PDB file of N, CA and C in Angstrom:
ATOM      1  N   MET A   1    -129.670-148.824 -51.137  1.00  0.00           N
ATOM      2  CA  MET A   1    -129.505-149.818 -49.676  1.00  0.00           C
ATOM      3  C   MET A   1    -130.895-150.521 -49.189  1.00  0.00           C
ATOM      4  N   THR A   2    -130.447-151.859 -48.866  1.00  0.00           N
ATOM      5  CA  THR A   2    -131.773-152.260 -48.226  1.00  0.00           C
ATOM      6  C   THR A   2    -131.458-152.238 -46.891  1.00  0.00           C
ATOM      7  N   PRO A   3    -132.788-151.945 -46.061  1.00  0.00           N
ATOM      8  CA  PRO A   3    -132.883-151.829 -44.453  1.00  0.00           C
ATOM      9  C   PRO A   3    -132.862-152.961 -43.762  1.00  0.00           C
ATOM     10  N   LEU A   4    -132.245-152.782 -42.592  1.00  0.00           N
ATOM     11  CA  LEU A   4    -131.882-153.889 -42.076  1.00  0.00           C
ATOM     12  C   LEU A   4    -133.653-154.386 -41.049  1.00  0.00           C
ATOM     13  N   ILE A   5    -133.749-155.954 -40.895  1.00  0.00           N
ATOM     14  CA  ILE A   5    -134.748-155.781 -40.157  1.00  0.00           C
ATOM     15  C   ILE A   5    -134.153-156.899 -39.236  1.00  0.00           C
ATOM     16  N   PRO A   6    -134.982-156.643 -37.901  1.00  0.00           N
ATOM     17  CA  PRO A   6    -134.617-157.760 -36.333  1.00  0.00           C
ATOM     18  C   PRO A   6    -135.402-158.724 -36.625  1.00  0.00           C
ATOM     19  N   TYR A   7    -134.524-159.598 -36.712  1.00  0.00           N
ATOM     20  CA  TYR A   7    -135.023-161.080 -36.720  1.00  0.00           C
ATOM     21  C   TYR A   7    -134.968-162.194 -35.188  1.00  0.00           C
ATOM     22  N   ALA A   8    -135.759-162.846 -34.569  1.00  0.00           N
ATOM     23  CA  ALA A   8    -134.763-163.383 -33.894  1.00  0.00           C
ATOM     24  C   ALA A   8    -135.393-164.937 -34.339  1.00  0.00           C
ATOM     25  N   ILE A   9    -133.992-166.451 -33.932  1.00  0.00           N
ATOM     26  CA  ILE A   9    -133.978-167.398 -34.289  1.00  0.00           C
ATOM     27  C   ILE A   9    -133.736-168.051 -33.189  1.00  0.00           C
ATOM     28  N   HIS A  10    -134.511-169.147 -33.047  1.00  0.00           N
ATOM     29  CA  HIS A  10    -134.839-170.444 -32.053  1.00  0.00           C
ATOM     30  C   HIS A  10    -134.459-171.947 -32.710  1.00  0.00           C
ATOM     31  N   TYR A  11    -134.102-172.199 -31.560  1.00  0.00           N
ATOM     32  CA  TYR A  11    -133.076-173.624 -31.821  1.00  0.00           C
ATOM     33  C   TYR A  11    -132.749-174.532 -30.725  1.00  0.00           C
ATOM     34  N   PHE A  12    -133.106-175.761 -30.864  1.00  0.00           N
ATOM     35  CA  PHE A  12    -132.606-176.683 -29.735  1.00  0.00           C
ATOM     36  C   PHE A  12    -131.328-176.680 -29.748  1.00  0.00           C
ATOM     37  N   LEU A  13    -130.467-177.242 -28.788  1.00  0.00           N
ATOM     38  CA  LEU A  13    -129.215-177.842 -28.402  1.00  0.00           C
ATOM     39  C   LEU A  13    -129.116-178.309 -27.277  1.00  0.00           C
ATOM     40  N   TYR A  14    -129.097-179.539 -27.970  1.00  0.00           N
ATOM     41  CA  TYR A  14    -128.890-180.898 -27.408  1.00  0.00           C
ATOM     42  C   TYR A  14    -130.252-180.911 -25.978  1.00  0.00           C
ATOM     43  N   GLY A  15    -131.511-180.266 -27.063  1.00  0.00           N
ATOM     44  CA  GLY A  15    -132.605-180.820 -26.730  1.00  0.00           C
ATOM     45  C   GLY A  15    -133.388-179.528 -25.108  1.00  0.00           C
ATOM     46  N   VAL A  16    -132.155-178.186 -25.595  1.00  0.00           N
ATOM     47  CA  VAL A  16    -132.604-177.275 -24.276  1.00  0.00           C
ATOM     48  C   VAL A  16    -132.482-175.833 -25.382  1.00  0.00           C
ATOM     49  N   ALA A  17    -133.657-175.613 -25.322  1.00  0.00           N
ATOM     50  CA  ALA A  17    -134.365-174.069 -26.015  1.00  0.00           C
ATOM     51  C   ALA A  17    -133.284-173.178 -26.270  1.00  0.00           C
ATOM     52  N   GLN A  18    -132.506-172.626 -27.471  1.00  0.00           N
ATOM     53  CA  GLN A  18    -131.965-171.462 -27.071  1.00  0.00           C
ATOM     54  C   GLN A  18    -132.633-170.095 -27.841  1.00  0.00           C
ATOM     55  N   HIS A  19    -132.128-168.901 -27.810  1.00  0.00           N
ATOM     56  CA  HIS A  19    -132.471-167.742 -29.099  1.00  0.00           C
ATOM     57  C   HIS A  19    -131.585-167.110 -28.780  1.00  0.00           C
ATOM     58  N   PHE A  20    -131.848-166.103 -30.142  1.00  0.00           N
ATOM     59  CA  PHE A  20    -130.888-165.180 -30.376  1.00  0.00           C
ATOM     60  C   PHE A  20    -131.992-163.982 -31.622  1.00  0.00           C
ATOM     61  N   TYR A  21    -131.252-162.951 -31.135  1.00  0.00           N
ATOM     62  CA  TYR A  21    -131.669-161.853 -32.131  1.00  0.00           C
ATOM     63  C   TYR A  21    -130.328-161.467 -33.416  1.00  0.00           C
ATOM     64  N   THR A  22    -130.546-161.310 -34.008  1.00  0.00           N
ATOM     65  CA  THR A  22    -129.996-160.878 -35.560  1.00  0.00           C
ATOM     66  C   THR A  22    -130.593-159.684 -36.149  1.00  0.00           C
ATOM     67  N   VAL A  23    -129.804-158.649 -36.898  1.00  0.00           N
ATOM     68  CA  VAL A  23    -130.614-158.334 -38.190  1.00  0.00           C
ATOM     69  C   VAL A  23    -129.988-158.640 -39.048  1.00  0.00           C
ATOM     70  N   SER A  24    -130.970-158.518 -40.632  1.00  0.00           N
ATOM     71  CA  SER A  24    -130.170-158.639 -41.792  1.00  0.00           C
ATOM     72  C   SER A  24    -131.504-157.960 -42.754  1.00  0.00           C
ATOM     73  N   GLY A  25    -131.149-157.668 -44.298  1.00  0.00           N
ATOM     74  CA  GLY A  25    -131.702-157.455 -45.184  1.00  0.00           C
ATOM     75  C   GLY A  25    -132.703-158.312 -45.159  1.00  0.00           C
ATOM     76  N   LYS A  26    -132.708-159.548 -45.402  1.00  0.00           N
ATOM     77  CA  LYS A  26    -133.719-160.772 -45.653  1.00  0.00           C
ATOM     78  C   LYS A  26    -133.055-161.967 -44.837  1.00  0.00           C
ATOM     79  N   LEU A  27    -134.010-163.056 -45.023  1.00  0.00           N
ATOM     80  CA  LEU A  27    -133.397-164.183 -44.029  1.00  0.00           C
ATOM     81  C   LEU A  27    -134.096-165.438 -44.542  1.00  0.00           C
ATOM     82  N   ASP A  28    -133.864-166.507 -44.716  1.00  0.00           N
ATOM     83  CA  ASP A  28    -134.584-167.320 -45.351  1.00  0.00           C
ATOM     84  C   ASP A  28    -133.951-168.542 -43.994  1.00  0.00           C
ATOM     85  N   ASP A  29    -134.945-169.861 -44.348  1.00  0.00           N
ATOM     86  CA  ASP A  29    -135.042-171.385 -43.385  1.00  0.00           C
ATOM     87  C   ASP A  29    -133.060-171.464 -43.822  1.00  0.00           C
ATOM     88  N   LEU A  30    -132.677-171.485 -44.611  1.00  0.00           N
ATOM     89  CA  LEU A  30    -131.384-171.532 -44.544  1.00  0.00           C
ATOM     90  C   LEU A  30    -130.644-171.228 -43.832  1.00  0.00           C
ATOM     91  N   ASP A  31    -130.598-169.522 -44.195  1.00  0.00           N
ATOM     92  CA  ASP A  31    -129.753-168.401 -43.265  1.00  0.00           C
ATOM     93  C   ASP A  31    -129.872-168.823 -42.126  1.00  0.00           C
ATOM     94  N   ALA A  32    -131.105-169.226 -41.471  1.00  0.00           N
ATOM     95  CA  ALA A  32    -131.467-169.497 -40.330  1.00  0.00           C
ATOM     96  C   ALA A  32    -130.927-170.954 -39.469  1.00  0.00           C
ATOM     97  N   LEU A  33    -130.849-171.577 -40.359  1.00  0.00           N
ATOM     98  CA  LEU A  33    -130.105-173.365 -40.045  1.00  0.00           C
ATOM     99  C   LEU A  33    -128.449-172.679 -39.872  1.00  0.00           C
ATOM    100  N   ARG A  34    -128.023-171.964 -40.863  1.00  0.00           N
ATOM    101  CA  ARG A  34    -126.686-171.537 -40.356  1.00  0.00           C
ATOM    102  C   ARG A  34    -126.144-170.433 -39.271  1.00  0.00           C
ATOM    103  N   LEU A  35    -126.913-169.686 -39.448  1.00  0.00           N
ATOM    104  CA  LEU A  35    -126.630-168.603 -38.464  1.00  0.00           C
ATOM    105  C   LEU A  35    -126.678-169.516 -36.432  1.00  0.00           C
ATOM    106  N   ALA A  36    -127.873-170.110 -36.401  1.00  0.00           N
ATOM    107  CA  ALA A  36    -127.789-171.199 -35.334  1.00  0.00           C
ATOM    108  C   ALA A  36    -126.975-172.257 -34.835  1.00  0.00           C
ATOM    109  N   THR A  37    -126.105-172.849 -36.153  1.00  0.00           N
ATOM    110  CA  THR A  37    -125.532-173.211 -35.648  1.00  0.00           C
ATOM    111  C   THR A  37    -123.841-172.745 -35.418  1.00  0.00           C
ATOM    112  N   ARG A  38    -124.015-171.349 -36.441  1.00  0.00           N
ATOM    113  CA  ARG A  38    -122.367-170.484 -35.934  1.00  0.00           C
ATOM    114  C   ARG A  38    -122.679-170.094 -34.197  1.00  0.00           C
ATOM    115  N   HIS A  39    -124.133-169.643 -33.726  1.00  0.00           N
ATOM    116  CA  HIS A  39    -124.415-169.329 -32.379  1.00  0.00           C
ATOM    117  C   HIS A  39    -123.850-170.586 -31.464  1.00  0.00           C
ATOM    118  N   ALA A  40    -124.571-171.666 -31.746  1.00  0.00           N
ATOM    119  CA  ALA A  40    -123.991-173.340 -30.844  1.00  0.00           C
ATOM    120  C   ALA A  40    -123.097-173.394 -30.691  1.00  0.00           C
ATOM    121  N   ALA A  41    -122.095-173.256 -31.789  1.00  0.00           N
ATOM    122  CA  ALA A  41    -120.297-173.529 -31.495  1.00  0.00           C
ATOM    123  C   ALA A  41    -119.871-172.389 -32.259  1.00  0.00           C
ATOM    124  N   GLN A  42    -118.788-172.158 -31.697  1.00  0.00           N
ATOM    125  CA  GLN A  42    -118.028-171.191 -32.234  1.00  0.00           C
ATOM    126  C   GLN A  42    -116.764-171.220 -33.966  1.00  0.00           C
ATOM    127  N   ASN A  43    -116.664-172.606 -33.674  1.00  0.00           N
ATOM    128  CA  ASN A  43    -115.885-173.310 -34.820  1.00  0.00           C
ATOM    129  C   ASN A  43    -116.245-174.887 -35.045  1.00  0.00           C
ATOM    130  N   PRO A  44    -117.879-174.501 -35.273  1.00  0.00           N
ATOM    131  CA  PRO A  44    -118.269-176.179 -36.055  1.00  0.00           C
ATOM    132  C   PRO A  44    -117.805-177.128 -36.281  1.00  0.00           C
ATOM    133  N   PRO A  45    -118.051-178.199 -36.482  1.00  0.00           N
ATOM    134  CA  PRO A  45    -117.234-179.234 -37.041  1.00  0.00           C
ATOM    135  C   PRO A  45    -118.033-178.871 -38.688  1.00  0.00           C
ATOM    136  N   GLY A  46    -117.146-179.123 -39.756  1.00  0.00           N
ATOM    137  CA  GLY A  46    -117.304-178.951 -40.624  1.00  0.00           C
ATOM    138  C   GLY A  46    -118.204-178.027 -40.836  1.00  0.00           C
ATOM    139  N   ALA A  47    -117.903-176.824 -40.647  1.00  0.00           N
ATOM    140  CA  ALA A  47    -118.173-175.438 -40.904  1.00  0.00           C
ATOM    141  C   ALA A  47    -117.934-174.355 -42.067  1.00  0.00           C
ATOM    142  N   SER A  48    -116.975-175.606 -43.096  1.00  0.00           N
ATOM    143  CA  SER A  48    -117.625-175.112 -44.468  1.00  0.00           C
ATOM    144  C   SER A  48    -118.343-175.407 -45.273  1.00  0.00           C
ATOM    145  N   THR A  49    -119.008-176.397 -44.779  1.00  0.00           N
ATOM    146  CA  THR A  49    -119.819-176.748 -45.076  1.00  0.00           C
ATOM    147  C   THR A  49    -121.662-176.324 -45.191  1.00  0.00           C
ATOM    148  N   LEU A  50    -121.133-175.132 -44.265  1.00  0.00           N
ATOM    149  CA  LEU A  50    -121.866-174.336 -43.969  1.00  0.00           C
ATOM    150  C   LEU A  50    -122.430-173.325 -45.354  1.00  0.00           C
ATOM    151  N   ALA A  51    -121.511-173.458 -45.781  1.00  0.00           N
ATOM    152  CA  ALA A  51    -121.967-172.262 -47.367  1.00  0.00           C
ATOM    153  C   ALA A  51    -122.033-173.025 -48.109  1.00  0.00           C
ATOM    154  N   GLY A  52    -122.441-174.774 -48.031  1.00  0.00           N
ATOM    155  CA  GLY A  52    -122.915-175.117 -49.590  1.00  0.00           C
ATOM    156  C   GLY A  52    -124.814-175.179 -49.484  1.00  0.00           C
ATOM    157  N   PRO A  53    -124.983-176.218 -50.352  1.00  0.00           N
ATOM    158  CA  PRO A  53    -126.495-176.748 -49.692  1.00  0.00           C
ATOM    159  C   PRO A  53    -127.194-176.917 -48.311  1.00  0.00           C
ATOM    160  N   ARG A  54    -128.420-176.758 -48.849  1.00  0.00           N
ATOM    161  CA  ARG A  54    -129.113-177.310 -47.122  1.00  0.00           C
ATOM    162  C   ARG A  54    -128.834-178.603 -46.855  1.00  0.00           C
ATOM    163  N   SER A  55    -128.972-179.571 -47.617  1.00  0.00           N
ATOM    164  CA  SER A  55    -128.259-180.592 -47.085  1.00  0.00           C
ATOM    165  C   SER A  55    -126.901-181.134 -46.578  1.00  0.00           C
ATOM    166  N   LEU A  56    -125.878-180.447 -46.831  1.00  0.00           N
ATOM    167  CA  LEU A  56    -124.402-179.850 -45.805  1.00  0.00           C
ATOM    168  C   LEU A  56    -124.649-179.341 -45.474  1.00  0.00           C
ATOM    169  N   ALA A  57    -125.746-178.139 -45.265  1.00  0.00           N
ATOM    170  CA  ALA A  57    -125.434-177.454 -43.919  1.00  0.00           C
ATOM    171  C   ALA A  57    -126.460-178.185 -42.708  1.00  0.00           C
ATOM    172  N   GLN A  58    -127.341-178.909 -43.103  1.00  0.00           N
ATOM    173  CA  GLN A  58    -128.053-179.941 -42.077  1.00  0.00           C
ATOM    174  C   GLN A  58    -127.411-180.972 -41.296  1.00  0.00           C
ATOM    175  N   ARG A  59    -126.226-181.255 -42.288  1.00  0.00           N
ATOM    176  CA  ARG A  59    -125.074-182.262 -41.344  1.00  0.00           C
ATOM    177  C   ARG A  59    -124.312-181.257 -40.615  1.00  0.00           C
ATOM    178  N   ALA A  60    -123.956-180.476 -40.537  1.00  0.00           N
ATOM    179  CA  ALA A  60    -123.214-180.121 -40.131  1.00  0.00           C
ATOM    180  C   ALA A  60    -123.860-179.304 -38.830  1.00  0.00           C
ATOM    181  N   THR A  61    -125.151-178.821 -38.278  1.00  0.00           N
ATOM    182  CA  THR A  61    -125.495-178.673 -37.895  1.00  0.00           C
ATOM    183  C   THR A  61    -126.426-179.950 -36.679  1.00  0.00           C
ATOM    184  N   ASP A  62    -126.712-181.381 -37.496  1.00  0.00           N
ATOM    185  CA  ASP A  62    -126.095-182.482 -36.458  1.00  0.00           C
ATOM    186  C   ASP A  62    -125.533-182.590 -35.757  1.00  0.00           C
ATOM    187  N   LYS A  63    -123.894-182.305 -36.931  1.00  0.00           N
ATOM    188  CA  LYS A  63    -122.699-182.426 -35.576  1.00  0.00           C
ATOM    189  C   LYS A  63    -122.458-181.772 -34.278  1.00  0.00           C
ATOM    190  N   VAL A  64    -123.886-180.799 -34.375  1.00  0.00           N
ATOM    191  CA  VAL A  64    -123.045-179.873 -33.216  1.00  0.00           C
ATOM    192  C   VAL A  64    -124.737-179.834 -32.136  1.00  0.00           C
ATOM    193  N   ALA A  65    -125.295-181.063 -32.667  1.00  0.00           N
ATOM    194  CA  ALA A  65    -126.656-181.258 -31.827  1.00  0.00           C
ATOM    195  C   ALA A  65    -127.461-179.978 -31.892  1.00  0.00           C
ATOM    196  N   VAL A  66    -127.853-179.300 -32.761  1.00  0.00           N
ATOM    197  CA  VAL A  66    -128.886-178.571 -33.311  1.00  0.00           C
ATOM    198  C   VAL A  66    -129.610-178.898 -34.262  1.00  0.00           C
ATOM    199  N   SER A  67    -131.242-177.954 -33.473  1.00  0.00           N
ATOM    200  CA  SER A  67    -132.494-178.671 -33.864  1.00  0.00           C
ATOM    201  C   SER A  67    -133.380-177.483 -34.038  1.00  0.00           C
ATOM    202  N   LYS A  68    -134.368-178.265 -34.780  1.00  0.00           N
ATOM    203  CA  LYS A  68    -135.867-177.795 -34.447  1.00  0.00           C
ATOM    204  C   LYS A  68    -135.261-176.074 -34.361  1.00  0.00           C
ATOM    205  N   VAL A  69    -135.412-175.866 -35.810  1.00  0.00           N
ATOM    206  CA  VAL A  69    -134.944-174.186 -35.933  1.00  0.00           C
ATOM    207  C   VAL A  69    -135.807-173.569 -36.418  1.00  0.00           C
ATOM    208  N   ARG A  70    -135.762-172.411 -35.805  1.00  0.00           N
ATOM    209  CA  ARG A  70    -137.218-171.468 -36.628  1.00  0.00           C
ATOM    210  C   ARG A  70    -136.953-170.107 -36.403  1.00  0.00           C
ATOM    211  N   TRP A  71    -137.353-169.197 -37.202  1.00  0.00           N
ATOM    212  CA  TRP A  71    -137.000-167.715 -37.160  1.00  0.00           C
ATOM    213  C   TRP A  71    -138.673-166.762 -37.158  1.00  0.00           C
ATOM    214  N   ASN A  72    -138.421-165.556 -36.838  1.00  0.00           N
ATOM    215  CA  ASN A  72    -139.628-164.987 -37.056  1.00  0.00           C
ATOM    216  C   ASN A  72    -139.006-163.376 -37.048  1.00  0.00           C
ATOM    217  N   LEU A  73    -139.901-162.379 -37.235  1.00  0.00           N
ATOM    218  CA  LEU A  73    -139.751-161.122 -37.060  1.00  0.00           C
ATOM    219  C   LEU A  73    -139.639-160.956 -35.498  1.00  0.00           C
ATOM    220  N   ALA A  74    -138.530-160.085 -35.250  1.00  0.00           N
ATOM    221  CA  ALA A  74    -138.365-159.656 -33.842  1.00  0.00           C
ATOM    222  C   ALA A  74    -139.624-158.126 -33.978  1.00  0.00           C
ATOM    223  N   VAL A  75    -140.265-158.246 -32.802  1.00  0.00           N
ATOM    224  CA  VAL A  75    -140.909-156.806 -32.799  1.00  0.00           C
ATOM    225  C   VAL A  75    -140.515-156.536 -30.981  1.00  0.00           C
TER     226      VAL A  75
END
């Protein structure tokens, strides 16, 4: 069983800084991008593209004005 690790995800929504916390067994840049997009909008336009490659996920974030996504361990 993979231990759950707390992460903080930071992003900008329409130029305003946002952040939230999540727990996961692992997290990478693409996971953070997808989670930030979902956090910014309940049903983002192009939500189905969030499951695809990074380029498609990036287009979905652009549609909901999410930018500068980064993440770190929450301690």
